[in-house]
PDB file of N, CA and C in Angstrom:
ATOM      1  N   ALA A   1       0.672  -1.295  -0.204  1.00  0.00           N
ATOM      2  CA  ALA A   1       0.032   0.080  -0.043  1.00  0.00           C
ATOM      3  C   ALA A   1       0.818   1.046   0.216  1.00  0.00           C
ATOM      4  N   GLY A   2       2.131   1.265  -0.481  1.00  0.00           N
ATOM      5  CA  GLY A   2       3.005   2.220  -0.296  1.00  0.00           C
ATOM      6  C   GLY A   2       2.907   3.418  -0.196  1.00  0.00           C
ATOM      7  N   ASP A   3       2.055   4.054  -1.313  1.00  0.00           N
ATOM      8  CA  ASP A   3       1.515   5.334  -1.072  1.00  0.00           C
ATOM      9  C   ASP A   3       0.071   5.929  -1.217  1.00  0.00           C
ATOM     10  N   LEU A   4      -0.214   4.933   0.187  1.00  0.00           N
ATOM     11  CA  LEU A   4      -1.843   4.855   0.739  1.00  0.00           C
ATOM     12  C   LEU A   4      -2.073   6.632   0.811  1.00  0.00           C
ATOM     13  N   LEU A   5      -0.968   7.163   1.922  1.00  0.00           N
ATOM     14  CA  LEU A   5      -1.925   7.948   2.174  1.00  0.00           C
ATOM     15  C   LEU A   5      -1.858   9.161   1.198  1.00  0.00           C
ATOM     16  N   TYR A   6      -1.519   9.231   0.226  1.00  0.00           N
ATOM     17  CA  TYR A   6      -1.957  10.121  -1.140  1.00  0.00           C
ATOM     18  C   TYR A   6      -3.368   9.910  -1.472  1.00  0.00           C
ATOM     19  N   GLU A   7      -3.894   8.798  -0.919  1.00  0.00           N
ATOM     20  CA  GLU A   7      -5.435   8.615  -1.384  1.00  0.00           C
ATOM     21  C   GLU A   7      -6.264   9.609  -0.321  1.00  0.00           C
ATOM     22  N   PHE A   8      -5.708  10.253   0.649  1.00  0.00           N
ATOM     23  CA  PHE A   8      -6.571  10.606   1.394  1.00  0.00           C
ATOM     24  C   PHE A   8      -6.598  12.393   0.798  1.00  0.00           C
ATOM     25  N   ILE A   9      -5.819  12.734   0.068  1.00  0.00           N
ATOM     26  CA  ILE A   9      -5.512  13.967  -0.473  1.00  0.00           C
ATOM     27  C   ILE A   9      -6.829  14.738  -0.770  1.00  0.00           C
ATOM     28  N   GLY A  10      -7.556  15.811  -0.280  1.00  0.00           N
ATOM     29  CA  GLY A  10      -8.457  16.484  -0.358  1.00  0.00           C
ATOM     30  C   GLY A  10      -9.703  15.910   0.279  1.00  0.00           C
ATOM     31  N   GLU A  11      -9.699  14.867   1.195  1.00  0.00           N
ATOM     32  CA  GLU A  11     -10.678  13.891   1.683  1.00  0.00           C
ATOM     33  C   GLU A  11     -11.149  14.956   2.946  1.00  0.00           C
ATOM     34  N   SER A  12     -12.275  14.303   3.514  1.00  0.00           N
ATOM     35  CA  SER A  12     -12.862  15.022   4.560  1.00  0.00           C
ATOM     36  C   SER A  12     -12.048  14.569   5.803  1.00  0.00           C
ATOM     37  N   GLU A  13     -12.033  15.109   7.104  1.00  0.00           N
ATOM     38  CA  GLU A  13     -11.291  14.697   7.789  1.00  0.00           C
ATOM     39  C   GLU A  13     -12.030  13.684   9.067  1.00  0.00           C
ATOM     40  N   LEU A  14     -13.723  13.415   8.263  1.00  0.00           N
ATOM     41  CA  LEU A  14     -14.387  12.386   8.790  1.00  0.00           C
ATOM     42  C   LEU A  14     -14.850  11.302   7.697  1.00  0.00           C
ATOM     43  N   GLN A  15     -14.373  10.280   8.179  1.00  0.00           N
ATOM     44  CA  GLN A  15     -14.787   9.133   7.088  1.00  0.00           C
ATOM     45  C   GLN A  15     -15.530   8.094   7.735  1.00  0.00           C
ATOM     46  N   VAL A  16     -16.719   7.804   7.065  1.00  0.00           N
ATOM     47  CA  VAL A  16     -17.717   6.614   7.380  1.00  0.00           C
ATOM     48  C   VAL A  16     -17.122   5.722   7.187  1.00  0.00           C
ATOM     49  N   GLY A  17     -16.902   4.475   8.197  1.00  0.00           N
ATOM     50  CA  GLY A  17     -16.496   3.081   8.056  1.00  0.00           C
ATOM     51  C   GLY A  17     -16.763   2.665   6.646  1.00  0.00           C
ATOM     52  N   THR A  18     -17.450   2.450   5.982  1.00  0.00           N
ATOM     53  CA  THR A  18     -17.539   1.601   4.879  1.00  0.00           C
ATOM     54  C   THR A  18     -16.750   2.728   3.475  1.00  0.00           C
ATOM     55  N   ASP A  19     -16.899   3.757   3.776  1.00  0.00           N
ATOM     56  CA  ASP A  19     -16.091   4.647   2.737  1.00  0.00           C
ATOM     57  C   ASP A  19     -14.545   4.234   2.883  1.00  0.00           C
ATOM     58  N   LEU A  20     -14.340   4.578   3.889  1.00  0.00           N
ATOM     59  CA  LEU A  20     -12.638   3.984   4.689  1.00  0.00           C
ATOM     60  C   LEU A  20     -12.583   2.446   4.001  1.00  0.00           C
ATOM     61  N   GLN A  21     -13.259   1.821   4.344  1.00  0.00           N
ATOM     62  CA  GLN A  21     -13.097   0.100   3.850  1.00  0.00           C
ATOM     63  C   GLN A  21     -13.082   0.565   2.302  1.00  0.00           C
ATOM     64  N   SER A  22     -13.640   0.919   1.610  1.00  0.00           N
ATOM     65  CA  SER A  22     -13.601   1.046  -0.020  1.00  0.00           C
ATOM     66  C   SER A  22     -12.401   1.455  -0.377  1.00  0.00           C
ATOM     67  N   LEU A  23     -12.208   2.461   0.122  1.00  0.00           N
ATOM     68  CA  LEU A  23     -10.693   3.293  -0.571  1.00  0.00           C
ATOM     69  C   LEU A  23      -9.689   2.030  -0.043  1.00  0.00           C
ATOM     70  N   LEU A  24      -9.748   1.336   1.089  1.00  0.00           N
ATOM     71  CA  LEU A  24      -8.532   0.471   1.548  1.00  0.00           C
ATOM     72  C   LEU A  24      -8.853  -1.032   0.509  1.00  0.00           C
ATOM     73  N   GLU A  25      -9.823  -1.094   0.358  1.00  0.00           N
ATOM     74  CA  GLU A  25     -10.285  -2.314  -0.260  1.00  0.00           C
ATOM     75  C   GLU A  25      -9.543  -2.373  -1.987  1.00  0.00           C
ATOM     76  N   SER A  26      -9.360  -1.112  -2.414  1.00  0.00           N
ATOM     77  CA  SER A  26      -9.471  -0.531  -3.820  1.00  0.00           C
ATOM     78  C   SER A  26      -7.652  -0.815  -3.728  1.00  0.00           C
ATOM     79  N   ARG A  27      -6.695  -0.593  -2.787  1.00  0.00           N
ATOM     80  CA  ARG A  27      -5.513  -0.410  -2.805  1.00  0.00           C
ATOM     81  C   ARG A  27      -4.826  -2.106  -2.540  1.00  0.00           C
ATOM     82  N   VAL A  28      -5.911  -2.617  -1.162  1.00  0.00           N
ATOM     83  CA  VAL A  28      -5.125  -4.071  -0.635  1.00  0.00           C
ATOM     84  C   VAL A  28      -6.049  -5.256  -0.699  1.00  0.00           C
ATOM     85  N   GLY A  29      -7.257  -5.043  -1.446  1.00  0.00           N
ATOM     86  CA  GLY A  29      -8.617  -5.982  -1.670  1.00  0.00           C
ATOM     87  C   GLY A  29      -9.039  -6.446  -0.107  1.00  0.00           C
ATOM     88  N   GLU A  30      -8.786  -7.643   0.177  1.00  0.00           N
ATOM     89  CA  GLU A  30      -9.214  -8.551   1.669  1.00  0.00           C
ATOM     90  C   GLU A  30      -8.416  -8.228   2.447  1.00  0.00           C
ATOM     91  N   LYS A  31      -7.589  -7.695   2.085  1.00  0.00           N
ATOM     92  CA  LYS A  31      -6.718  -7.323   3.327  1.00  0.00           C
ATOM     93  C   LYS A  31      -6.903  -5.902   3.773  1.00  0.00           C
ATOM     94  N   TRP A  32      -8.241  -5.298   3.860  1.00  0.00           N
ATOM     95  CA  TRP A  32      -8.135  -4.044   3.593  1.00  0.00           C
ATOM     96  C   TRP A  32      -8.237  -3.815   5.736  1.00  0.00           C
ATOM     97  N   GLN A  33      -8.674  -4.779   6.209  1.00  0.00           N
ATOM     98  CA  GLN A  33      -8.888  -4.677   7.659  1.00  0.00           C
ATOM     99  C   GLN A  33      -7.584  -4.796   8.148  1.00  0.00           C
ATOM    100  N   THR A  34      -6.467  -5.236   7.720  1.00  0.00           N
ATOM    101  CA  THR A  34      -5.133  -5.136   8.275  1.00  0.00           C
ATOM    102  C   THR A  34      -4.514  -3.981   7.962  1.00  0.00           C
ATOM    103  N   LEU A  35      -4.835  -3.366   6.985  1.00  0.00           N
ATOM    104  CA  LEU A  35      -4.578  -2.073   6.432  1.00  0.00           C
ATOM    105  C   LEU A  35      -4.994  -0.815   7.622  1.00  0.00           C
ATOM    106  N   LEU A  36      -6.088  -1.122   7.621  1.00  0.00           N
ATOM    107  CA  LEU A  36      -6.827  -0.085   8.950  1.00  0.00           C
ATOM    108  C   LEU A  36      -6.285  -0.166   9.956  1.00  0.00           C
ATOM    109  N   GLU A  37      -6.143  -1.204  10.602  1.00  0.00           N
ATOM    110  CA  GLU A  37      -5.581  -1.728  11.974  1.00  0.00           C
ATOM    111  C   GLU A  37      -3.860  -0.868  11.868  1.00  0.00           C
ATOM    112  N   LEU A  38      -3.202  -1.178  11.201  1.00  0.00           N
ATOM    113  CA  LEU A  38      -2.066  -0.586  11.094  1.00  0.00           C
ATOM    114  C   LEU A  38      -2.073   0.961  10.973  1.00  0.00           C
ATOM    115  N   LEU A  39      -3.356   1.988   9.853  1.00  0.00           N
ATOM    116  CA  LEU A  39      -3.376   3.198  10.430  1.00  0.00           C
ATOM    117  C   LEU A  39      -3.950   3.867  11.583  1.00  0.00           C
ATOM    118  N   LEU A  40      -4.373   2.854  12.026  1.00  0.00           N
ATOM    119  CA  LEU A  40      -4.883   2.878  13.866  1.00  0.00           C
ATOM    120  C   LEU A  40      -3.862   3.369  14.635  1.00  0.00           C
ATOM    121  N   TRP A  41      -2.938   1.930  14.442  1.00  0.00           N
ATOM    122  CA  TRP A  41      -1.694   1.876  15.153  1.00  0.00           C
ATOM    123  C   TRP A  41      -1.031   3.336  15.145  1.00  0.00           C
ATOM    124  N   TYR A  42      -0.618   3.656  13.721  1.00  0.00           N
ATOM    125  CA  TYR A  42       0.191   4.525  13.738  1.00  0.00           C
ATOM    126  C   TYR A  42      -0.497   6.140  13.819  1.00  0.00           C
ATOM    127  N   GLY A  43      -1.673   5.700  14.591  1.00  0.00           N
ATOM    128  CA  GLY A  43      -2.022   7.185  14.615  1.00  0.00           C
ATOM    129  C   GLY A  43      -2.756   7.842  13.230  1.00  0.00           C
ATOM    130  N   PHE A  44      -2.955   7.432  12.695  1.00  0.00           N
ATOM    131  CA  PHE A  44      -3.465   8.075  11.364  1.00  0.00           C
ATOM    132  C   PHE A  44      -5.002   8.424  11.510  1.00  0.00           C
ATOM    133  N   VAL A  45      -5.304   7.483  11.683  1.00  0.00           N
ATOM    134  CA  VAL A  45      -6.742   7.490  11.930  1.00  0.00           C
ATOM    135  C   VAL A  45      -7.179   7.154  13.458  1.00  0.00           C
ATOM    136  N   GLY A  46      -8.208   8.168  13.683  1.00  0.00           N
ATOM    137  CA  GLY A  46      -8.924   7.540  15.371  1.00  0.00           C
ATOM    138  C   GLY A  46     -10.161   7.260  15.218  1.00  0.00           C
ATOM    139  N   VAL A  47     -10.841   6.567  15.984  1.00  0.00           N
ATOM    140  CA  VAL A  47     -12.465   6.378  16.237  1.00  0.00           C
ATOM    141  C   VAL A  47     -13.086   7.184  16.809  1.00  0.00           C
ATOM    142  N   VAL A  48     -14.121   8.050  16.441  1.00  0.00           N
ATOM    143  CA  VAL A  48     -15.102   8.885  17.078  1.00  0.00           C
ATOM    144  C   VAL A  48     -15.883   8.003  17.661  1.00  0.00           C
ATOM    145  N   ARG A  49     -16.106   8.508  19.144  1.00  0.00           N
ATOM    146  CA  ARG A  49     -17.086   7.828  19.659  1.00  0.00           C
ATOM    147  C   ARG A  49     -17.959   8.509  19.922  1.00  0.00           C
ATOM    148  N   ASP A  50     -19.120   7.823  20.885  1.00  0.00           N
ATOM    149  CA  ASP A  50     -20.632   8.072  21.071  1.00  0.00           C
ATOM    150  C   ASP A  50     -20.421   9.716  21.194  1.00  0.00           C
ATOM    151  N   ASP A  51     -19.929  10.087  22.021  1.00  0.00           N
ATOM    152  CA  ASP A  51     -19.447  11.454  22.864  1.00  0.00           C
ATOM    153  C   ASP A  51     -18.820  12.294  22.158  1.00  0.00           C
ATOM    154  N   ALA A  52     -18.571  11.946  20.550  1.00  0.00           N
ATOM    155  CA  ALA A  52     -17.650  12.718  19.663  1.00  0.00           C
ATOM    156  C   ALA A  52     -16.327  13.190  20.041  1.00  0.00           C
ATOM    157  N   VAL A  53     -15.723  12.432  21.242  1.00  0.00           N
ATOM    158  CA  VAL A  53     -14.109  12.615  21.094  1.00  0.00           C
ATOM    159  C   VAL A  53     -13.827  11.392  20.400  1.00  0.00           C
ATOM    160  N   THR A  54     -12.367  11.795  19.693  1.00  0.00           N
ATOM    161  CA  THR A  54     -11.859  10.818  18.765  1.00  0.00           C
ATOM    162  C   THR A  54     -10.653  10.033  19.897  1.00  0.00           C
ATOM    163  N   SER A  55     -10.869   8.965  19.766  1.00  0.00           N
ATOM    164  CA  SER A  55      -9.716   7.939  20.450  1.00  0.00           C
ATOM    165  C   SER A  55      -8.890   7.261  19.515  1.00  0.00           C
ATOM    166  N   TYR A  56      -7.454   8.136  19.526  1.00  0.00           N
ATOM    167  CA  TYR A  56      -6.472   7.326  18.649  1.00  0.00           C
ATOM    168  C   TYR A  56      -5.428   6.277  19.674  1.00  0.00           C
ATOM    169  N   VAL A  57      -4.464   5.708  19.164  1.00  0.00           N
ATOM    170  CA  VAL A  57      -3.791   4.714  19.677  1.00  0.00           C
ATOM    171  C   VAL A  57      -3.319   5.224  21.146  1.00  0.00           C
ATOM    172  N   TYR A  58      -2.766   6.766  21.030  1.00  0.00           N
ATOM    173  CA  TYR A  58      -2.203   7.368  22.013  1.00  0.00           C
ATOM    174  C   TYR A  58      -3.126   7.425  23.344  1.00  0.00           C
ATOM    175  N   SER A  59      -4.124   8.125  22.721  1.00  0.00           N
ATOM    176  CA  SER A  59      -5.777   7.959  23.529  1.00  0.00           C
ATOM    177  C   SER A  59      -5.732   7.000  24.573  1.00  0.00           C
ATOM    178  N   VAL A  60      -5.772   5.769  23.929  1.00  0.00           N
ATOM    179  CA  VAL A  60      -5.937   4.286  24.763  1.00  0.00           C
ATOM    180  C   VAL A  60      -4.667   3.653  25.113  1.00  0.00           C
ATOM    181  N   LYS A  61      -3.758   4.375  25.332  1.00  0.00           N
ATOM    182  CA  LYS A  61      -2.184   3.879  25.779  1.00  0.00           C
ATOM    183  C   LYS A  61      -1.773   2.793  25.104  1.00  0.00           C
ATOM    184  N   TYR A  62      -1.956   2.914  23.458  1.00  0.00           N
ATOM    185  CA  TYR A  62      -1.660   1.480  22.689  1.00  0.00           C
ATOM    186  C   TYR A  62      -1.938   0.587  23.004  1.00  0.00           C
ATOM    187  N   ASP A  63      -3.008   0.346  23.722  1.00  0.00           N
ATOM    188  CA  ASP A  63      -3.785  -0.993  23.783  1.00  0.00           C
ATOM    189  C   ASP A  63      -5.027  -1.086  22.517  1.00  0.00           C
ATOM    190  N   MET A  64      -4.317  -2.018  21.670  1.00  0.00           N
ATOM    191  CA  MET A  64      -4.950  -2.189  20.192  1.00  0.00           C
ATOM    192  C   MET A  64      -5.999  -2.884  20.353  1.00  0.00           C
ATOM    193  N   ARG A  65      -5.988  -3.444  21.366  1.00  0.00           N
ATOM    194  CA  ARG A  65      -7.298  -4.316  21.623  1.00  0.00           C
ATOM    195  C   ARG A  65      -8.623  -3.484  21.917  1.00  0.00           C
ATOM    196  N   ARG A  66      -7.790  -2.746  22.716  1.00  0.00           N
ATOM    197  CA  ARG A  66      -9.311  -1.594  22.765  1.00  0.00           C
ATOM    198  C   ARG A  66      -9.784  -1.017  21.988  1.00  0.00           C
ATOM    199  N   LEU A  67      -8.676  -0.425  21.048  1.00  0.00           N
ATOM    200  CA  LEU A  67      -9.292   0.321  19.900  1.00  0.00           C
ATOM    201  C   LEU A  67      -9.878  -0.272  18.861  1.00  0.00           C
ATOM    202  N   ARG A  68      -9.482  -1.580  18.483  1.00  0.00           N
ATOM    203  CA  ARG A  68     -10.072  -2.478  17.747  1.00  0.00           C
ATOM    204  C   ARG A  68     -11.744  -2.605  17.979  1.00  0.00           C
ATOM    205  N   ALA A  69     -11.944  -2.806  19.365  1.00  0.00           N
ATOM    206  CA  ALA A  69     -13.132  -2.876  19.757  1.00  0.00           C
ATOM    207  C   ALA A  69     -13.821  -1.459  19.886  1.00  0.00           C
ATOM    208  N   LEU A  70     -13.608  -0.591  19.871  1.00  0.00           N
ATOM    209  CA  LEU A  70     -13.896   0.796  19.590  1.00  0.00           C
ATOM    210  C   LEU A  70     -14.069   0.723  17.806  1.00  0.00           C
ATOM    211  N   ALA A  71     -13.379   0.189  17.122  1.00  0.00           N
ATOM    212  CA  ALA A  71     -13.463   0.437  15.850  1.00  0.00           C
ATOM    213  C   ALA A  71     -14.813  -0.518  15.206  1.00  0.00           C
ATOM    214  N   PHE A  72     -14.341  -1.496  15.496  1.00  0.00           N
ATOM    215  CA  PHE A  72     -15.335  -2.771  15.220  1.00  0.00           C
ATOM    216  C   PHE A  72     -16.607  -3.254  16.026  1.00  0.00           C
ATOM    217  N   LYS A  73     -17.002  -2.633  16.917  1.00  0.00           N
ATOM    218  CA  LYS A  73     -17.935  -3.052  17.636  1.00  0.00           C
ATOM    219  C   LYS A  73     -19.280  -2.821  17.048  1.00  0.00           C
ATOM    220  N   ARG A  74     -19.626  -1.694  16.097  1.00  0.00           N
ATOM    221  CA  ARG A  74     -20.781  -2.105  15.669  1.00  0.00           C
ATOM    222  C   ARG A  74     -20.293  -2.058  14.034  1.00  0.00           C
ATOM    223  N   ASP A  75     -21.586  -1.886  13.039  1.00  0.00           N
ATOM    224  CA  ASP A  75     -20.723  -2.074  11.418  1.00  0.00           C
ATOM    225  C   ASP A  75     -20.332  -0.969  11.111  1.00  0.00           C
ATOM    226  N   LEU A  76     -19.594  -1.165  10.138  1.00  0.00           N
ATOM    227  CA  LEU A  76     -18.768   0.179   9.613  1.00  0.00           C
ATOM    228  C   LEU A  76     -19.398   1.305   8.998  1.00  0.00           C
ATOM    229  N   ALA A  77     -20.985   0.985   8.889  1.00  0.00           N
ATOM    230  CA  ALA A  77     -21.439   1.959   8.767  1.00  0.00           C
ATOM    231  C   ALA A  77     -22.014   2.928   9.132  1.00  0.00           C
ATOM    232  N   SER A  78     -21.971   2.663  10.692  1.00  0.00           N
ATOM    233  CA  SER A  78     -22.369   3.382  11.682  1.00  0.00           C
ATOM    234  C   SER A  78     -21.023   3.839  12.966  1.00  0.00           C
ATOM    235  N   THR A  79     -19.877   3.771  12.129  1.00  0.00           N
ATOM    236  CA  THR A  79     -18.555   3.949  12.986  1.00  0.00           C
ATOM    237  C   THR A  79     -17.642   5.348  11.967  1.00  0.00           C
ATOM    238  N   MET A  80     -17.578   6.419  12.784  1.00  0.00           N
ATOM    239  CA  MET A  80     -17.001   7.078  12.158  1.00  0.00           C
ATOM    240  C   MET A  80     -15.393   7.300  12.675  1.00  0.00           C
ATOM    241  N   PHE A  81     -14.768   7.745  11.584  1.00  0.00           N
ATOM    242  CA  PHE A  81     -13.122   7.661  11.588  1.00  0.00           C
ATOM    243  C   PHE A  81     -12.740   8.767  11.665  1.00  0.00           C
ATOM    244  N   ARG A  82     -11.648   9.530  12.196  1.00  0.00           N
ATOM    245  CA  ARG A  82     -11.201  11.066  11.973  1.00  0.00           C
ATOM    246  C   ARG A  82      -9.809  10.763  11.595  1.00  0.00           C
ATOM    247  N   ILE A  83      -9.062  11.765  10.542  1.00  0.00           N
ATOM    248  CA  ILE A  83      -8.418  11.747  10.281  1.00  0.00           C
ATOM    249  C   ILE A  83      -6.901  12.547  11.526  1.00  0.00           C
ATOM    250  N   ASN A  84      -6.167  12.006  11.698  1.00  0.00           N
ATOM    251  CA  ASN A  84      -5.655  12.651  12.863  1.00  0.00           C
ATOM    252  C   ASN A  84      -5.246  14.134  12.335  1.00  0.00           C
ATOM    253  N   PRO A  85      -5.937  15.347  12.896  1.00  0.00           N
ATOM    254  CA  PRO A  85      -5.253  16.971  12.648  1.00  0.00           C
ATOM    255  C   PRO A  85      -3.379  17.066  12.115  1.00  0.00           C
ATOM    256  N   ALA A  86      -2.222  16.005  12.695  1.00  0.00           N
ATOM    257  CA  ALA A  86      -1.251  15.844  12.155  1.00  0.00           C
ATOM    258  C   ALA A  86      -1.171  16.227  10.469  1.00  0.00           C
ATOM    259  N   PHE A  87      -2.171  15.627  10.540  1.00  0.00           N
ATOM    260  CA  PHE A  87      -1.996  15.484   8.532  1.00  0.00           C
ATOM    261  C   PHE A  87      -2.208  16.133   7.992  1.00  0.00           C
ATOM    262  N   TRP A  88      -3.728  16.629   8.306  1.00  0.00           N
ATOM    263  CA  TRP A  88      -4.889  17.973   7.805  1.00  0.00           C
ATOM    264  C   TRP A  88      -4.228  18.828   6.689  1.00  0.00           C
ATOM    265  N   ARG A  89      -2.951  19.514   7.086  1.00  0.00           N
ATOM    266  CA  ARG A  89      -2.680  20.684   6.230  1.00  0.00           C
ATOM    267  C   ARG A  89      -1.591  19.765   4.868  1.00  0.00           C
ATOM    268  N   ALA A  90      -0.924  18.845   5.165  1.00  0.00           N
ATOM    269  CA  ALA A  90      -0.268  17.824   4.140  1.00  0.00           C
ATOM    270  C   ALA A  90      -1.058  17.718   3.561  1.00  0.00           C
ATOM    271  N   LEU A  91      -2.210  17.144   3.758  1.00  0.00           N
ATOM    272  CA  LEU A  91      -2.886  16.126   2.817  1.00  0.00           C
ATOM    273  C   LEU A  91      -4.286  17.214   1.940  1.00  0.00           C
ATOM    274  N   GLU A  92      -4.147  18.470   2.653  1.00  0.00           N
ATOM    275  CA  GLU A  92      -5.197  19.175   2.098  1.00  0.00           C
ATOM    276  C   GLU A  92      -6.651  18.981   2.556  1.00  0.00           C
ATOM    277  N   ILE A  93      -6.390  18.175   4.239  1.00  0.00           N
ATOM    278  CA  ILE A  93      -7.724  17.681   4.566  1.00  0.00           C
ATOM    279  C   ILE A  93      -9.034  18.796   4.547  1.00  0.00           C
ATOM    280  N   THR A  94     -10.149  18.229   4.496  1.00  0.00           N
ATOM    281  CA  THR A  94     -11.061  19.317   4.615  1.00  0.00           C
ATOM    282  C   THR A  94     -12.255  19.130   5.837  1.00  0.00           C
ATOM    283  N   HIS A  95     -12.519  20.090   6.497  1.00  0.00           N
ATOM    284  CA  HIS A  95     -13.121  20.370   7.493  1.00  0.00           C
ATOM    285  C   HIS A  95     -14.890  20.366   7.446  1.00  0.00           C
TER     286      HIS A  95
END
């Protein structure tokens, strides 16, 4: 998935899980979930919780089991992910 981050140029800061899945599937096929977990691990994306707070890997003390649970506890159509603000400027992320 070499240049994957460039796929996010001009995208919205918020990504519905199914849209994120489609983007990742177009790059790596059936291994999209592994790629999503890497994006979560490296803090590129976080999971938006019910209280509108975004949990990134460092927010959960690098507990990937907890972050995975947050990301996949519901179907992806009702899960929101947020691109880390550290990448917004470089990738021209919209708000």
